[in-house]
Amino acid sequence: MSGALLALESVEAGYGDFQALFGVTLEVREGTVISLIGANGAGKTTTLRVISGLLRPKGGAIRFRGEDISRVKPHEMVERGISHVPEGRQLFPYMSVEENLALGAYVPRSRTRQKNLIAEQFELFPKLAERRKQIAGTLSGGEQQMVAIARGLMAQPSLLLLDEPSLGLAPKVVEEVFEKIREVARTGVTVLIVEQNVVDGLSISDAGYVVENGAVVLSGSSKELMANEQVRAAFLGL
Protein backbone atom coordinates (compact mmCIF):
# COMPACT_ATOMS: atom_id res chain seq x y z
CA MET A 1 0.00 0.00 0.00
CA SER A 2 2.97 2.31 -0.35
CA GLY A 3 2.08 5.54 -2.08
CA ALA A 4 -1.53 5.65 -0.91
CA LEU A 5 -2.84 8.86 0.64
CA LEU A 6 -5.03 6.74 2.95
CA ALA A 7 -4.63 3.06 3.79
CA LEU A 8 -6.66 0.84 6.09
CA GLU A 9 -4.89 -2.35 7.07
CA SER A 10 -6.98 -5.16 8.63
CA VAL A 11 -9.09 -2.67 10.60
CA GLU A 12 -11.50 -4.02 13.19
CA ALA A 13 -14.01 -1.84 15.02
CA GLY A 14 -17.32 -1.94 16.80
CA TYR A 15 -19.69 -0.43 19.30
CA GLY A 16 -19.36 -1.98 22.75
CA ASP A 17 -19.65 -5.75 22.35
CA PHE A 18 -20.98 -5.44 18.80
CA GLN A 19 -18.27 -5.82 16.18
CA ALA A 20 -18.99 -3.91 12.97
CA LEU A 21 -15.74 -4.20 10.99
CA PHE A 22 -13.82 -7.41 10.44
CA GLY A 23 -10.38 -6.77 8.98
CA VAL A 24 -11.20 -4.01 6.49
CA THR A 25 -8.32 -3.34 4.11
CA LEU A 26 -8.45 -0.65 1.44
CA GLU A 27 -6.49 2.23 -0.01
CA VAL A 28 -7.26 5.64 -1.45
CA ARG A 29 -4.69 7.20 -3.75
CA GLU A 30 -4.25 10.94 -3.95
CA GLY A 31 -6.35 12.69 -6.58
CA THR A 32 -8.92 9.90 -6.91
CA VAL A 33 -12.59 9.45 -6.08
CA ILE A 34 -13.30 6.11 -4.39
CA SER A 35 -16.73 4.66 -3.53
CA LEU A 36 -17.67 2.34 -0.69
CA ILE A 37 -20.84 0.52 -1.69
CA GLY A 38 -22.96 -1.97 0.16
CA ALA A 39 -26.31 -2.54 1.83
CA ASN A 40 -27.52 -0.83 5.01
CA GLY A 41 -25.59 -2.09 8.02
CA ALA A 42 -22.68 -3.36 5.92
CA GLY A 43 -20.14 -1.22 7.79
CA LYS A 44 -19.65 1.67 5.37
CA THR A 45 -20.47 4.49 7.79
CA THR A 46 -18.45 2.79 10.52
CA THR A 47 -15.47 2.77 8.17
CA LEU A 48 -15.73 6.54 7.71
CA ARG A 49 -16.14 7.08 11.44
CA VAL A 50 -12.97 5.10 12.10
CA ILE A 51 -11.03 7.10 9.49
CA SER A 52 -12.13 10.46 10.91
CA GLY A 53 -11.38 9.44 14.51
CA LEU A 54 -14.98 9.40 15.72
CA LEU A 55 -14.59 5.70 16.49
CA ARG A 56 -11.34 4.16 17.67
CA PRO A 57 -10.38 0.89 15.92
CA LYS A 58 -9.98 -2.25 18.00
CA GLY A 59 -7.35 -3.67 15.69
CA GLY A 60 -5.39 -3.01 12.54
CA ALA A 61 -3.96 0.30 11.38
CA ILE A 62 -5.08 3.45 9.58
CA ARG A 63 -2.36 5.34 7.75
CA PHE A 64 -2.62 8.82 6.28
CA ARG A 65 0.35 9.96 4.21
CA GLY A 66 2.18 6.95 5.59
CA GLU A 67 1.66 7.88 9.26
CA ASP A 68 -0.40 5.76 11.63
CA ILE A 69 -3.41 7.86 12.72
CA SER A 70 -5.33 5.08 14.48
CA ARG A 71 -5.26 6.94 17.81
CA VAL A 72 -5.56 10.52 16.55
CA LYS A 73 -8.50 12.57 17.91
CA PRO A 74 -11.20 13.87 15.52
CA HIS A 75 -10.24 17.57 15.70
CA GLU A 76 -6.63 16.63 15.00
CA MET A 77 -7.77 14.67 11.93
CA VAL A 78 -9.22 17.87 10.51
CA GLU A 79 -5.96 19.69 11.18
CA ARG A 80 -4.11 16.92 9.31
CA GLY A 81 -6.36 17.36 6.27
CA ILE A 82 -9.33 14.98 6.66
CA SER A 83 -12.86 16.43 6.56
CA HIS A 84 -15.93 14.28 7.27
CA VAL A 85 -19.36 15.25 5.90
CA PRO A 86 -21.70 12.97 7.88
CA GLU A 87 -24.93 11.35 6.81
CA GLY A 88 -27.90 13.66 7.36
CA ARG A 89 -25.82 16.85 6.76
CA GLN A 90 -26.02 17.96 10.43
CA LEU A 91 -26.18 21.67 9.68
CA PHE A 92 -27.06 24.33 12.24
CA PRO A 93 -30.63 24.88 10.98
CA TYR A 94 -31.21 28.28 12.61
CA MET A 95 -27.99 29.79 11.33
CA SER A 96 -27.46 31.26 7.88
CA VAL A 97 -25.63 29.56 5.02
CA GLU A 98 -22.70 31.91 5.51
CA GLU A 99 -22.57 31.28 9.26
CA ASN A 100 -22.59 27.51 8.71
CA LEU A 101 -19.66 27.83 6.32
CA ALA A 102 -17.73 30.04 8.73
CA LEU A 103 -17.95 27.30 11.37
CA GLY A 104 -16.06 24.99 9.03
CA ALA A 105 -13.00 27.26 9.11
CA TYR A 106 -12.02 26.65 12.72
CA VAL A 107 -8.60 25.10 12.08
CA PRO A 108 -5.73 27.62 12.25
CA ARG A 109 -4.80 27.40 8.56
CA SER A 110 -8.39 28.23 7.54
CA ARG A 111 -9.34 30.75 10.22
CA THR A 112 -7.16 33.50 8.79
CA ARG A 113 -8.52 32.88 5.27
CA GLN A 114 -12.17 32.59 6.23
CA LYS A 115 -13.53 35.31 3.91
CA ASN A 116 -11.54 34.07 0.94
CA LEU A 117 -12.56 30.47 1.58
CA ILE A 118 -16.24 31.42 1.77
CA ALA A 119 -15.84 33.27 -1.53
CA GLU A 120 -14.30 30.13 -3.04
CA GLN A 121 -17.25 28.03 -1.89
CA PHE A 122 -19.72 30.50 -3.34
CA GLU A 123 -17.86 30.29 -6.64
CA LEU A 124 -18.06 26.50 -6.55
CA PHE A 125 -21.70 26.52 -5.38
CA PRO A 126 -23.35 29.59 -6.98
CA LYS A 127 -26.76 28.69 -5.53
CA LEU A 128 -25.35 29.14 -2.05
CA ALA A 129 -24.07 32.59 -2.92
CA GLU A 130 -27.64 33.57 -3.79
CA ARG A 131 -28.81 32.22 -0.42
CA ARG A 132 -25.87 33.28 1.74
CA LYS A 133 -28.09 35.06 4.30
CA GLN A 134 -30.87 32.46 4.21
CA ILE A 135 -31.44 30.27 7.27
CA ALA A 136 -30.00 26.84 6.48
CA GLY A 137 -33.03 24.95 7.75
CA THR A 138 -35.23 26.58 5.12
CA LEU A 139 -33.14 25.39 2.17
CA SER A 140 -34.09 22.47 -0.05
CA GLY A 141 -32.49 19.09 0.64
CA GLY A 142 -30.08 19.44 -2.25
CA GLU A 143 -29.04 22.93 -1.17
CA GLN A 144 -28.48 21.72 2.38
CA GLN A 145 -26.25 18.95 1.08
CA MET A 146 -24.23 21.52 -0.86
CA VAL A 147 -23.83 23.58 2.33
CA ALA A 148 -22.62 20.48 4.16
CA ILE A 149 -20.04 19.73 1.46
CA ALA A 150 -18.94 23.37 1.29
CA ARG A 151 -18.57 23.51 5.08
CA GLY A 152 -16.35 20.41 4.92
CA LEU A 153 -14.20 22.10 2.28
CA MET A 154 -13.72 25.19 4.45
CA ALA A 155 -11.04 23.30 6.41
CA GLN A 156 -9.03 22.95 3.18
CA PRO A 157 -8.87 19.15 3.33
CA SER A 158 -6.76 16.93 1.14
CA LEU A 159 -9.23 14.08 1.83
CA LEU A 160 -13.01 14.58 1.92
CA LEU A 161 -15.21 11.84 3.40
CA LEU A 162 -18.82 11.94 2.18
CA ASP A 163 -21.47 9.77 3.85
CA GLU A 164 -24.59 9.15 1.73
CA PRO A 165 -24.75 12.55 -0.04
CA SER A 166 -27.76 11.44 -2.11
CA LEU A 167 -29.87 10.37 0.88
CA GLY A 168 -33.44 11.64 0.63
CA LEU A 169 -32.88 13.60 -2.58
CA ALA A 170 -34.88 13.43 -5.80
CA PRO A 171 -33.03 11.88 -8.80
CA LYS A 172 -32.61 15.22 -10.58
CA VAL A 173 -31.18 16.80 -7.41
CA VAL A 174 -28.86 13.81 -6.90
CA GLU A 175 -27.46 14.42 -10.37
CA GLU A 176 -26.77 18.05 -9.49
CA VAL A 177 -25.09 17.19 -6.18
CA PHE A 178 -22.91 14.53 -7.80
CA GLU A 179 -21.82 16.98 -10.50
CA LYS A 180 -20.66 19.28 -7.70
CA ILE A 181 -18.71 16.40 -6.17
CA ARG A 182 -17.02 15.93 -9.55
CA GLU A 183 -16.10 19.62 -9.51
CA VAL A 184 -14.66 19.26 -6.00
CA ALA A 185 -12.50 16.36 -7.19
CA ARG A 186 -11.29 18.44 -10.13
CA THR A 187 -9.93 21.03 -7.67
CA GLY A 188 -7.51 18.37 -6.42
CA VAL A 189 -9.36 17.14 -3.31
CA THR A 190 -9.32 13.35 -2.89
CA VAL A 191 -12.81 11.96 -2.15
CA LEU A 192 -13.97 8.81 -0.36
CA ILE A 193 -17.72 8.46 -0.72
CA VAL A 194 -20.17 6.09 0.96
CA GLU A 195 -23.18 5.63 -1.27
CA GLN A 196 -26.13 3.23 -1.55
CA ASN A 197 -26.97 4.68 -4.95
CA VAL A 198 -24.49 2.40 -6.68
CA VAL A 199 -24.84 3.68 -10.23
CA ASP A 200 -24.42 7.34 -9.29
CA GLY A 201 -21.65 6.62 -6.81
CA LEU A 202 -19.58 4.59 -9.25
CA SER A 203 -20.31 6.99 -12.11
CA ILE A 204 -18.15 9.68 -10.49
CA SER A 205 -15.56 7.30 -9.01
CA ASP A 206 -12.28 5.94 -10.27
CA ALA A 207 -12.65 2.74 -8.28
CA GLY A 208 -14.69 1.21 -5.49
CA TYR A 209 -14.93 -1.34 -2.72
CA VAL A 210 -17.95 -3.52 -1.94
CA VAL A 211 -18.51 -3.89 1.80
CA GLU A 212 -20.58 -6.75 3.19
CA ASN A 213 -21.03 -7.75 6.83
CA GLY A 214 -18.14 -5.55 7.92
CA ALA A 215 -15.61 -6.77 5.38
CA VAL A 216 -14.46 -5.83 1.90
CA VAL A 217 -15.64 -8.61 -0.41
CA LEU A 218 -14.87 -7.07 -3.79
CA SER A 219 -12.86 -4.22 -5.28
CA GLY A 220 -11.95 -2.88 -8.68
CA SER A 221 -12.28 0.02 -11.06
CA SER A 222 -15.73 1.56 -11.42
CA LYS A 223 -16.15 -0.02 -14.85
CA GLU A 224 -15.16 -3.43 -13.50
CA LEU A 225 -17.62 -3.20 -10.62
CA MET A 226 -20.46 -1.98 -12.84
CA ALA A 227 -19.88 -4.99 -15.12
CA ASN A 228 -19.51 -7.48 -12.26
CA GLU A 229 -22.37 -9.99 -12.13
CA GLN A 230 -22.35 -10.08 -8.32
CA VAL A 231 -22.70 -6.29 -8.09
CA ARG A 232 -25.33 -6.17 -10.83
CA ALA A 233 -27.42 -8.85 -9.12
CA ALA A 234 -27.08 -7.43 -5.60
CA PHE A 235 -27.48 -3.72 -6.26
CA LEU A 236 -28.83 -3.19 -9.76
CA GLY A 237 -31.43 -5.95 -9.88
CA LEU A 238 -29.96 -7.35 -13.09
C-alpha atoms as a PDB file:
ATOM      1  CA  MET A   1       0.000   0.000   0.000  1.00  0.00           C
ATOM      2  CA  SER A   2       2.974   2.313  -0.345  1.00  0.00           C
ATOM      3  CA  GLY A   3       2.084   5.544  -2.080  1.00  0.00           C
ATOM      4  CA  ALA A   4      -1.530   5.648  -0.913  1.00  0.00           C
ATOM      5  CA  LEU A   5      -2.845   8.856   0.637  1.00  0.00           C
ATOM      6  CA  LEU A   6      -5.027   6.744   2.949  1.00  0.00           C
ATOM      7  CA  ALA A   7      -4.629   3.062   3.786  1.00  0.00           C
ATOM      8  CA  LEU A   8      -6.659   0.841   6.092  1.00  0.00           C
ATOM      9  CA  GLU A   9      -4.887  -2.353   7.075  1.00  0.00           C
ATOM     10  CA  SER A  10      -6.982  -5.162   8.626  1.00  0.00           C
ATOM     11  CA  VAL A  11      -9.094  -2.671  10.596  1.00  0.00           C
ATOM     12  CA  GLU A  12     -11.502  -4.024  13.192  1.00  0.00           C
ATOM     13  CA  ALA A  13     -14.010  -1.836  15.016  1.00  0.00           C
ATOM     14  CA  GLY A  14     -17.324  -1.940  16.801  1.00  0.00           C
ATOM     15  CA  TYR A  15     -19.691  -0.431  19.305  1.00  0.00           C
ATOM     16  CA  GLY A  16     -19.357  -1.980  22.749  1.00  0.00           C
ATOM     17  CA  ASP A  17     -19.649  -5.753  22.354  1.00  0.00           C
ATOM     18  CA  PHE A  18     -20.979  -5.436  18.802  1.00  0.00           C
ATOM     19  CA  GLN A  19     -18.271  -5.823  16.176  1.00  0.00           C
ATOM     20  CA  ALA A  20     -18.988  -3.912  12.966  1.00  0.00           C
ATOM     21  CA  LEU A  21     -15.744  -4.198  10.991  1.00  0.00           C
ATOM     22  CA  PHE A  22     -13.816  -7.409  10.443  1.00  0.00           C
ATOM     23  CA  GLY A  23     -10.380  -6.771   8.983  1.00  0.00           C
ATOM     24  CA  VAL A  24     -11.203  -4.013   6.491  1.00  0.00           C
ATOM     25  CA  THR A  25      -8.320  -3.335   4.111  1.00  0.00           C
ATOM     26  CA  LEU A  26      -8.452  -0.652   1.439  1.00  0.00           C
ATOM     27  CA  GLU A  27      -6.491   2.231  -0.009  1.00  0.00           C
ATOM     28  CA  VAL A  28      -7.261   5.642  -1.453  1.00  0.00           C
ATOM     29  CA  ARG A  29      -4.688   7.196  -3.746  1.00  0.00           C
ATOM     30  CA  GLU A  30      -4.246  10.935  -3.953  1.00  0.00           C
ATOM     31  CA  GLY A  31      -6.347  12.690  -6.583  1.00  0.00           C
ATOM     32  CA  THR A  32      -8.916   9.896  -6.907  1.00  0.00           C
ATOM     33  CA  VAL A  33     -12.594   9.445  -6.082  1.00  0.00           C
ATOM     34  CA  ILE A  34     -13.302   6.114  -4.386  1.00  0.00           C
ATOM     35  CA  SER A  35     -16.726   4.658  -3.526  1.00  0.00           C
ATOM     36  CA  LEU A  36     -17.668   2.343  -0.686  1.00  0.00           C
ATOM     37  CA  ILE A  37     -20.836   0.523  -1.694  1.00  0.00           C
ATOM     38  CA  GLY A  38     -22.964  -1.970   0.160  1.00  0.00           C
ATOM     39  CA  ALA A  39     -26.307  -2.542   1.834  1.00  0.00           C
ATOM     40  CA  ASN A  40     -27.522  -0.830   5.006  1.00  0.00           C
ATOM     41  CA  GLY A  41     -25.587  -2.091   8.015  1.00  0.00           C
ATOM     42  CA  ALA A  42     -22.676  -3.364   5.924  1.00  0.00           C
ATOM     43  CA  GLY A  43     -20.138  -1.219   7.792  1.00  0.00           C
ATOM     44  CA  LYS A  44     -19.651   1.670   5.365  1.00  0.00           C
ATOM     45  CA  THR A  45     -20.475   4.490   7.787  1.00  0.00           C
ATOM     46  CA  THR A  46     -18.453   2.790  10.524  1.00  0.00           C
ATOM     47  CA  THR A  47     -15.473   2.772   8.173  1.00  0.00           C
ATOM     48  CA  LEU A  48     -15.733   6.543   7.706  1.00  0.00           C
ATOM     49  CA  ARG A  49     -16.141   7.079  11.442  1.00  0.00           C
ATOM     50  CA  VAL A  50     -12.967   5.104  12.100  1.00  0.00           C
ATOM     51  CA  ILE A  51     -11.035   7.099   9.490  1.00  0.00           C
ATOM     52  CA  SER A  52     -12.131  10.464  10.915  1.00  0.00           C
ATOM     53  CA  GLY A  53     -11.384   9.441  14.508  1.00  0.00           C
ATOM     54  CA  LEU A  54     -14.984   9.403  15.720  1.00  0.00           C
ATOM     55  CA  LEU A  55     -14.586   5.697  16.486  1.00  0.00           C
ATOM     56  CA  ARG A  56     -11.344   4.162  17.670  1.00  0.00           C
ATOM     57  CA  PRO A  57     -10.384   0.889  15.916  1.00  0.00           C
ATOM     58  CA  LYS A  58      -9.978  -2.245  17.999  1.00  0.00           C
ATOM     59  CA  GLY A  59      -7.354  -3.666  15.692  1.00  0.00           C
ATOM     60  CA  GLY A  60      -5.386  -3.015  12.542  1.00  0.00           C
ATOM     61  CA  ALA A  61      -3.958   0.303  11.382  1.00  0.00           C
ATOM     62  CA  ILE A  62      -5.083   3.454   9.577  1.00  0.00           C
ATOM     63  CA  ARG A  63      -2.360   5.338   7.746  1.00  0.00           C
ATOM     64  CA  PHE A  64      -2.617   8.824   6.283  1.00  0.00           C
ATOM     65  CA  ARG A  65       0.349   9.959   4.207  1.00  0.00           C
ATOM     66  CA  GLY A  66       2.184   6.947   5.592  1.00  0.00           C
ATOM     67  CA  GLU A  67       1.657   7.884   9.258  1.00  0.00           C
ATOM     68  CA  ASP A  68      -0.401   5.760  11.629  1.00  0.00           C
ATOM     69  CA  ILE A  69      -3.409   7.858  12.717  1.00  0.00           C
ATOM     70  CA  SER A  70      -5.332   5.082  14.479  1.00  0.00           C
ATOM     71  CA  ARG A  71      -5.264   6.940  17.814  1.00  0.00           C
ATOM     72  CA  VAL A  72      -5.558  10.521  16.552  1.00  0.00           C
ATOM     73  CA  LYS A  73      -8.503  12.568  17.910  1.00  0.00           C
ATOM     74  CA  PRO A  74     -11.204  13.870  15.516  1.00  0.00           C
ATOM     75  CA  HIS A  75     -10.238  17.565  15.705  1.00  0.00           C
ATOM     76  CA  GLU A  76      -6.631  16.627  14.999  1.00  0.00           C
ATOM     77  CA  MET A  77      -7.769  14.668  11.930  1.00  0.00           C
ATOM     78  CA  VAL A  78      -9.223  17.873  10.515  1.00  0.00           C
ATOM     79  CA  GLU A  79      -5.962  19.686  11.175  1.00  0.00           C
ATOM     80  CA  ARG A  80      -4.113  16.920   9.309  1.00  0.00           C
ATOM     81  CA  GLY A  81      -6.361  17.356   6.271  1.00  0.00           C
ATOM     82  CA  ILE A  82      -9.327  14.983   6.662  1.00  0.00           C
ATOM     83  CA  SER A  83     -12.861  16.432   6.562  1.00  0.00           C
ATOM     84  CA  HIS A  84     -15.925  14.283   7.269  1.00  0.00           C
ATOM     85  CA  VAL A  85     -19.357  15.250   5.900  1.00  0.00           C
ATOM     86  CA  PRO A  86     -21.698  12.974   7.877  1.00  0.00           C
ATOM     87  CA  GLU A  87     -24.933  11.346   6.808  1.00  0.00           C
ATOM     88  CA  GLY A  88     -27.896  13.663   7.361  1.00  0.00           C
ATOM     89  CA  ARG A  89     -25.823  16.849   6.763  1.00  0.00           C
ATOM     90  CA  GLN A  90     -26.016  17.961  10.435  1.00  0.00           C
ATOM     91  CA  LEU A  91     -26.176  21.673   9.681  1.00  0.00           C
ATOM     92  CA  PHE A  92     -27.062  24.327  12.245  1.00  0.00           C
ATOM     93  CA  PRO A  93     -30.629  24.877  10.982  1.00  0.00           C
ATOM     94  CA  TYR A  94     -31.214  28.277  12.613  1.00  0.00           C
ATOM     95  CA  MET A  95     -27.987  29.790  11.332  1.00  0.00           C
ATOM     96  CA  SER A  96     -27.459  31.265   7.881  1.00  0.00           C
ATOM     97  CA  VAL A  97     -25.632  29.556   5.024  1.00  0.00           C
ATOM     98  CA  GLU A  98     -22.699  31.909   5.507  1.00  0.00           C
ATOM     99  CA  GLU A  99     -22.568  31.284   9.257  1.00  0.00           C
ATOM    100  CA  ASN A 100     -22.590  27.512   8.711  1.00  0.00           C
ATOM    101  CA  LEU A 101     -19.657  27.828   6.319  1.00  0.00           C
ATOM    102  CA  ALA A 102     -17.727  30.036   8.733  1.00  0.00           C
ATOM    103  CA  LEU A 103     -17.951  27.296  11.368  1.00  0.00           C
ATOM    104  CA  GLY A 104     -16.056  24.988   9.031  1.00  0.00           C
ATOM    105  CA  ALA A 105     -13.005  27.263   9.113  1.00  0.00           C
ATOM    106  CA  TYR A 106     -12.022  26.651  12.720  1.00  0.00           C
ATOM    107  CA  VAL A 107      -8.601  25.100  12.082  1.00  0.00           C
ATOM    108  CA  PRO A 108      -5.733  27.616  12.251  1.00  0.00           C
ATOM    109  CA  ARG A 109      -4.799  27.397   8.556  1.00  0.00           C
ATOM    110  CA  SER A 110      -8.386  28.231   7.543  1.00  0.00           C
ATOM    111  CA  ARG A 111      -9.344  30.747  10.217  1.00  0.00           C
ATOM    112  CA  THR A 112      -7.158  33.500   8.791  1.00  0.00           C
ATOM    113  CA  ARG A 113      -8.519  32.881   5.271  1.00  0.00           C
ATOM    114  CA  GLN A 114     -12.172  32.586   6.232  1.00  0.00           C
ATOM    115  CA  LYS A 115     -13.528  35.306   3.913  1.00  0.00           C
ATOM    116  CA  ASN A 116     -11.541  34.069   0.936  1.00  0.00           C
ATOM    117  CA  LEU A 117     -12.558  30.475   1.579  1.00  0.00           C
ATOM    118  CA  ILE A 118     -16.242  31.424   1.772  1.00  0.00           C
ATOM    119  CA  ALA A 119     -15.843  33.266  -1.528  1.00  0.00           C
ATOM    120  CA  GLU A 120     -14.298  30.133  -3.042  1.00  0.00           C
ATOM    121  CA  GLN A 121     -17.251  28.025  -1.894  1.00  0.00           C
ATOM    122  CA  PHE A 122     -19.719  30.500  -3.344  1.00  0.00           C
ATOM    123  CA  GLU A 123     -17.862  30.293  -6.640  1.00  0.00           C
ATOM    124  CA  LEU A 124     -18.063  26.499  -6.550  1.00  0.00           C
ATOM    125  CA  PHE A 125     -21.699  26.520  -5.376  1.00  0.00           C
ATOM    126  CA  PRO A 126     -23.353  29.594  -6.982  1.00  0.00           C
ATOM    127  CA  LYS A 127     -26.758  28.691  -5.529  1.00  0.00           C
ATOM    128  CA  LEU A 128     -25.352  29.139  -2.047  1.00  0.00           C
ATOM    129  CA  ALA A 129     -24.074  32.590  -2.922  1.00  0.00           C
ATOM    130  CA  GLU A 130     -27.641  33.565  -3.792  1.00  0.00           C
ATOM    131  CA  ARG A 131     -28.812  32.223  -0.415  1.00  0.00           C
ATOM    132  CA  ARG A 132     -25.869  33.280   1.735  1.00  0.00           C
ATOM    133  CA  LYS A 133     -28.092  35.063   4.301  1.00  0.00           C
ATOM    134  CA  GLN A 134     -30.870  32.457   4.209  1.00  0.00           C
ATOM    135  CA  ILE A 135     -31.443  30.266   7.268  1.00  0.00           C
ATOM    136  CA  ALA A 136     -30.003  26.836   6.480  1.00  0.00           C
ATOM    137  CA  GLY A 137     -33.030  24.948   7.751  1.00  0.00           C
ATOM    138  CA  THR A 138     -35.229  26.585   5.118  1.00  0.00           C
ATOM    139  CA  LEU A 139     -33.136  25.389   2.170  1.00  0.00           C
ATOM    140  CA  SER A 140     -34.092  22.469  -0.046  1.00  0.00           C
ATOM    141  CA  GLY A 141     -32.495  19.086   0.642  1.00  0.00           C
ATOM    142  CA  GLY A 142     -30.078  19.443  -2.251  1.00  0.00           C
ATOM    143  CA  GLU A 143     -29.038  22.933  -1.167  1.00  0.00           C
ATOM    144  CA  GLN A 144     -28.484  21.724   2.384  1.00  0.00           C
ATOM    145  CA  GLN A 145     -26.252  18.946   1.078  1.00  0.00           C
ATOM    146  CA  MET A 146     -24.234  21.519  -0.855  1.00  0.00           C
ATOM    147  CA  VAL A 147     -23.834  23.581   2.331  1.00  0.00           C
ATOM    148  CA  ALA A 148     -22.616  20.476   4.161  1.00  0.00           C
ATOM    149  CA  ILE A 149     -20.037  19.728   1.465  1.00  0.00           C
ATOM    150  CA  ALA A 150     -18.941  23.367   1.290  1.00  0.00           C
ATOM    151  CA  ARG A 151     -18.572  23.505   5.080  1.00  0.00           C
ATOM    152  CA  GLY A 152     -16.348  20.408   4.919  1.00  0.00           C
ATOM    153  CA  LEU A 153     -14.204  22.105   2.282  1.00  0.00           C
ATOM    154  CA  MET A 154     -13.718  25.194   4.452  1.00  0.00           C
ATOM    155  CA  ALA A 155     -11.037  23.300   6.414  1.00  0.00           C
ATOM    156  CA  GLN A 156      -9.032  22.948   3.179  1.00  0.00           C
ATOM    157  CA  PRO A 157      -8.871  19.149   3.334  1.00  0.00           C
ATOM    158  CA  SER A 158      -6.762  16.928   1.144  1.00  0.00           C
ATOM    159  CA  LEU A 159      -9.235  14.076   1.827  1.00  0.00           C
ATOM    160  CA  LEU A 160     -13.009  14.584   1.922  1.00  0.00           C
ATOM    161  CA  LEU A 161     -15.208  11.839   3.401  1.00  0.00           C
ATOM    162  CA  LEU A 162     -18.823  11.941   2.176  1.00  0.00           C
ATOM    163  CA  ASP A 163     -21.469   9.768   3.846  1.00  0.00           C
ATOM    164  CA  GLU A 164     -24.593   9.151   1.727  1.00  0.00           C
ATOM    165  CA  PRO A 165     -24.747  12.553  -0.036  1.00  0.00           C
ATOM    166  CA  SER A 166     -27.759  11.436  -2.113  1.00  0.00           C
ATOM    167  CA  LEU A 167     -29.866  10.370   0.881  1.00  0.00           C
ATOM    168  CA  GLY A 168     -33.435  11.642   0.631  1.00  0.00           C
ATOM    169  CA  LEU A 169     -32.879  13.600  -2.582  1.00  0.00           C
ATOM    170  CA  ALA A 170     -34.882  13.429  -5.803  1.00  0.00           C
ATOM    171  CA  PRO A 171     -33.034  11.875  -8.797  1.00  0.00           C
ATOM    172  CA  LYS A 172     -32.613  15.219 -10.578  1.00  0.00           C
ATOM    173  CA  VAL A 173     -31.180  16.796  -7.414  1.00  0.00           C
ATOM    174  CA  VAL A 174     -28.864  13.814  -6.899  1.00  0.00           C
ATOM    175  CA  GLU A 175     -27.460  14.420 -10.372  1.00  0.00           C
ATOM    176  CA  GLU A 176     -26.769  18.051  -9.488  1.00  0.00           C
ATOM    177  CA  VAL A 177     -25.087  17.190  -6.175  1.00  0.00           C
ATOM    178  CA  PHE A 178     -22.914  14.533  -7.805  1.00  0.00           C
ATOM    179  CA  GLU A 179     -21.822  16.975 -10.496  1.00  0.00           C
ATOM    180  CA  LYS A 180     -20.663  19.277  -7.703  1.00  0.00           C
ATOM    181  CA  ILE A 181     -18.709  16.396  -6.173  1.00  0.00           C
ATOM    182  CA  ARG A 182     -17.018  15.932  -9.549  1.00  0.00           C
ATOM    183  CA  GLU A 183     -16.095  19.625  -9.506  1.00  0.00           C
ATOM    184  CA  VAL A 184     -14.658  19.256  -5.996  1.00  0.00           C
ATOM    185  CA  ALA A 185     -12.500  16.358  -7.195  1.00  0.00           C
ATOM    186  CA  ARG A 186     -11.287  18.444 -10.131  1.00  0.00           C
ATOM    187  CA  THR A 187      -9.935  21.027  -7.665  1.00  0.00           C
ATOM    188  CA  GLY A 188      -7.505  18.366  -6.416  1.00  0.00           C
ATOM    189  CA  VAL A 189      -9.358  17.139  -3.312  1.00  0.00           C
ATOM    190  CA  THR A 190      -9.316  13.348  -2.892  1.00  0.00           C
ATOM    191  CA  VAL A 191     -12.805  11.962  -2.147  1.00  0.00           C
ATOM    192  CA  LEU A 192     -13.974   8.813  -0.364  1.00  0.00           C
ATOM    193  CA  ILE A 193     -17.721   8.462  -0.721  1.00  0.00           C
ATOM    194  CA  VAL A 194     -20.171   6.091   0.958  1.00  0.00           C
ATOM    195  CA  GLU A 195     -23.177   5.627  -1.272  1.00  0.00           C
ATOM    196  CA  GLN A 196     -26.132   3.232  -1.549  1.00  0.00           C
ATOM    197  CA  ASN A 197     -26.969   4.683  -4.949  1.00  0.00           C
ATOM    198  CA  VAL A 198     -24.487   2.401  -6.681  1.00  0.00           C
ATOM    199  CA  VAL A 199     -24.843   3.683 -10.232  1.00  0.00           C
ATOM    200  CA  ASP A 200     -24.425   7.341  -9.293  1.00  0.00           C
ATOM    201  CA  GLY A 201     -21.653   6.616  -6.812  1.00  0.00           C
ATOM    202  CA  LEU A 202     -19.580   4.591  -9.247  1.00  0.00           C
ATOM    203  CA  SER A 203     -20.305   6.989 -12.113  1.00  0.00           C
ATOM    204  CA  ILE A 204     -18.149   9.678 -10.486  1.00  0.00           C
ATOM    205  CA  SER A 205     -15.561   7.302  -9.011  1.00  0.00           C
ATOM    206  CA  ASP A 206     -12.278   5.940 -10.269  1.00  0.00           C
ATOM    207  CA  ALA A 207     -12.655   2.740  -8.281  1.00  0.00           C
ATOM    208  CA  GLY A 208     -14.686   1.213  -5.485  1.00  0.00           C
ATOM    209  CA  TYR A 209     -14.931  -1.339  -2.717  1.00  0.00           C
ATOM    210  CA  VAL A 210     -17.952  -3.516  -1.942  1.00  0.00           C
ATOM    211  CA  VAL A 211     -18.509  -3.886   1.803  1.00  0.00           C
ATOM    212  CA  GLU A 212     -20.582  -6.749   3.189  1.00  0.00           C
ATOM    213  CA  ASN A 213     -21.025  -7.749   6.830  1.00  0.00           C
ATOM    214  CA  GLY A 214     -18.144  -5.546   7.924  1.00  0.00           C
ATOM    215  CA  ALA A 215     -15.615  -6.774   5.378  1.00  0.00           C
ATOM    216  CA  VAL A 216     -14.457  -5.825   1.896  1.00  0.00           C
ATOM    217  CA  VAL A 217     -15.638  -8.613  -0.413  1.00  0.00           C
ATOM    218  CA  LEU A 218     -14.870  -7.074  -3.790  1.00  0.00           C
ATOM    219  CA  SER A 219     -12.857  -4.222  -5.275  1.00  0.00           C
ATOM    220  CA  GLY A 220     -11.947  -2.876  -8.684  1.00  0.00           C
ATOM    221  CA  SER A 221     -12.276   0.021 -11.064  1.00  0.00           C
ATOM    222  CA  SER A 222     -15.728   1.562 -11.418  1.00  0.00           C
ATOM    223  CA  LYS A 223     -16.146  -0.023 -14.848  1.00  0.00           C
ATOM    224  CA  GLU A 224     -15.164  -3.432 -13.503  1.00  0.00           C
ATOM    225  CA  LEU A 225     -17.624  -3.204 -10.622  1.00  0.00           C
ATOM    226  CA  MET A 226     -20.463  -1.984 -12.841  1.00  0.00           C
ATOM    227  CA  ALA A 227     -19.883  -4.988 -15.122  1.00  0.00           C
ATOM    228  CA  ASN A 228     -19.507  -7.477 -12.265  1.00  0.00           C
ATOM    229  CA  GLU A 229     -22.368  -9.989 -12.130  1.00  0.00           C
ATOM    230  CA  GLN A 230     -22.354 -10.081  -8.322  1.00  0.00           C
ATOM    231  CA  VAL A 231     -22.696  -6.286  -8.086  1.00  0.00           C
ATOM    232  CA  ARG A 232     -25.327  -6.167 -10.829  1.00  0.00           C
ATOM    233  CA  ALA A 233     -27.416  -8.848  -9.121  1.00  0.00           C
ATOM    234  CA  ALA A 234     -27.085  -7.428  -5.595  1.00  0.00           C
ATOM    235  CA  PHE A 235     -27.477  -3.722  -6.264  1.00  0.00           C
ATOM    236  CA  LEU A 236     -28.829  -3.189  -9.758  1.00  0.00           C
ATOM    237  CA  GLY A 237     -31.432  -5.947  -9.877  1.00  0.00           C
ATOM    238  CA  LEU A 238     -29.959  -7.349 -13.092  1.00  0.00           C
END
